[in-house]
Amino acid sequence: MDIISTRLKSLRLAYNLTQDQAAQALGFKDAGSYRKYESGKVLPGADKIRTIADFYKVTADYILGRTDTP
């Protein structure tokens, strides 16, 4: 797992959400894309990172691993 997938999973678990619930809350059409982000198979684009960061109330830099401060 890379830093992005690790951070996404830890944030989701901190919010007590399943992957399906997180995907729905983030407005994804299906949970498949979110699962791929968490597994590290696909990297989210800038717009998705911004959406995810806003939802979890962290910075995009935190998700990207550029800082350890959420």
C-alpha atoms as a PDB file:
ATOM      1  CA  MET A   1       0.000   0.000   0.000  1.00  0.00           C
ATOM      2  CA  ASP A   2       1.175   3.492  -0.724  1.00  0.00           C
ATOM      3  CA  ILE A   3       0.727   6.510   1.523  1.00  0.00           C
ATOM      4  CA  ILE A   4      -2.447   7.692  -0.213  1.00  0.00           C
ATOM      5  CA  SER A   5      -4.247   4.375   0.102  1.00  0.00           C
ATOM      6  CA  THR A   6      -3.069   3.995   3.699  1.00  0.00           C
ATOM      7  CA  ARG A   7      -4.327   7.457   4.622  1.00  0.00           C
ATOM      8  CA  LEU A   8      -7.669   6.933   2.882  1.00  0.00           C
ATOM      9  CA  LYS A   9      -8.259   3.681   4.718  1.00  0.00           C
ATOM     10  CA  SER A  10      -7.281   5.093   8.112  1.00  0.00           C
ATOM     11  CA  LEU A  11      -9.512   8.139   7.630  1.00  0.00           C
ATOM     12  CA  ARG A  12     -12.446   5.975   6.594  1.00  0.00           C
ATOM     13  CA  LEU A  13     -11.984   3.697   9.597  1.00  0.00           C
ATOM     14  CA  ALA A  14     -11.687   6.698  11.934  1.00  0.00           C
ATOM     15  CA  TYR A  15     -15.136   7.740  10.714  1.00  0.00           C
ATOM     16  CA  ASN A  16     -16.464   4.183  11.190  1.00  0.00           C
ATOM     17  CA  LEU A  17     -17.498   3.899   7.556  1.00  0.00           C
ATOM     18  CA  THR A  18     -17.513   0.966   5.191  1.00  0.00           C
ATOM     19  CA  GLN A  19     -16.080   1.511   1.737  1.00  0.00           C
ATOM     20  CA  ASP A  20     -19.628   1.584   0.364  1.00  0.00           C
ATOM     21  CA  GLN A  21     -20.707   4.202   2.902  1.00  0.00           C
ATOM     22  CA  ALA A  22     -17.649   6.356   2.229  1.00  0.00           C
ATOM     23  CA  ALA A  23     -18.169   6.171  -1.513  1.00  0.00           C
ATOM     24  CA  GLN A  24     -21.823   7.129  -1.157  1.00  0.00           C
ATOM     25  CA  ALA A  25     -21.049  10.020   1.209  1.00  0.00           C
ATOM     26  CA  LEU A  26     -18.399  11.280  -1.211  1.00  0.00           C
ATOM     27  CA  GLY A  27     -20.831  11.182  -4.122  1.00  0.00           C
ATOM     28  CA  PHE A  28     -19.153   8.385  -6.068  1.00  0.00           C
ATOM     29  CA  LYS A  29     -21.403   6.574  -8.526  1.00  0.00           C
ATOM     30  CA  ASP A  30     -20.284   3.257  -7.086  1.00  0.00           C
ATOM     31  CA  ALA A  31     -17.838   2.036  -4.471  1.00  0.00           C
ATOM     32  CA  GLY A  32     -15.570   0.410  -7.048  1.00  0.00           C
ATOM     33  CA  SER A  33     -13.532   3.554  -7.635  1.00  0.00           C
ATOM     34  CA  TYR A  34     -13.125   4.169  -3.931  1.00  0.00           C
ATOM     35  CA  ARG A  35     -12.004   0.563  -3.401  1.00  0.00           C
ATOM     36  CA  LYS A  36      -9.374   1.009  -6.108  1.00  0.00           C
ATOM     37  CA  TYR A  37      -8.100   4.167  -4.381  1.00  0.00           C
ATOM     38  CA  GLU A  38      -7.798   2.357  -1.058  1.00  0.00           C
ATOM     39  CA  SER A  39      -6.104  -0.660  -2.604  1.00  0.00           C
ATOM     40  CA  GLY A  40      -3.611   1.548  -4.422  1.00  0.00           C
ATOM     41  CA  LYS A  41      -4.632   0.242  -7.849  1.00  0.00           C
ATOM     42  CA  VAL A  42      -5.703   3.716  -9.001  1.00  0.00           C
ATOM     43  CA  LEU A  43      -4.629   7.138  -7.796  1.00  0.00           C
ATOM     44  CA  PRO A  44      -7.392   9.690  -7.282  1.00  0.00           C
ATOM     45  CA  GLY A  45      -7.223  12.846  -9.369  1.00  0.00           C
ATOM     46  CA  ALA A  46      -6.882  16.306  -7.898  1.00  0.00           C
ATOM     47  CA  ASP A  47     -10.641  16.897  -7.840  1.00  0.00           C
ATOM     48  CA  LYS A  48     -11.276  13.642  -5.954  1.00  0.00           C
ATOM     49  CA  ILE A  49      -8.471  14.350  -3.488  1.00  0.00           C
ATOM     50  CA  ARG A  50     -10.003  17.761  -2.800  1.00  0.00           C
ATOM     51  CA  THR A  51     -13.456  16.197  -2.279  1.00  0.00           C
ATOM     52  CA  ILE A  52     -12.076  13.512   0.023  1.00  0.00           C
ATOM     53  CA  ALA A  53      -9.995  16.030   2.005  1.00  0.00           C
ATOM     54  CA  ASP A  54     -13.016  18.280   2.502  1.00  0.00           C
ATOM     55  CA  PHE A  55     -15.186  15.374   3.609  1.00  0.00           C
ATOM     56  CA  TYR A  56     -12.667  14.086   6.170  1.00  0.00           C
ATOM     57  CA  LYS A  57     -11.696  17.638   7.219  1.00  0.00           C
ATOM     58  CA  VAL A  58      -8.007  17.178   6.429  1.00  0.00           C
ATOM     59  CA  THR A  59      -5.674  18.819   3.934  1.00  0.00           C
ATOM     60  CA  ALA A  60      -4.869  17.412   0.533  1.00  0.00           C
ATOM     61  CA  ASP A  61      -1.209  17.488   1.604  1.00  0.00           C
ATOM     62  CA  TYR A  62      -2.072  15.076   4.415  1.00  0.00           C
ATOM     63  CA  ILE A  63      -3.700  12.625   2.007  1.00  0.00           C
ATOM     64  CA  LEU A  64      -0.730  12.937  -0.353  1.00  0.00           C
ATOM     65  CA  GLY A  65       1.733  12.267   2.472  1.00  0.00           C
ATOM     66  CA  ARG A  66       3.387  15.670   2.237  1.00  0.00           C
ATOM     67  CA  THR A  67       2.644  16.311   5.915  1.00  0.00           C
ATOM     68  CA  ASP A  68       1.690  14.237   8.927  1.00  0.00           C
ATOM     69  CA  THR A  69      -0.576  17.000  10.218  1.00  0.00           C
ATOM     70  CA  PRO A  70      -4.151  16.404   9.123  1.00  0.00           C
END
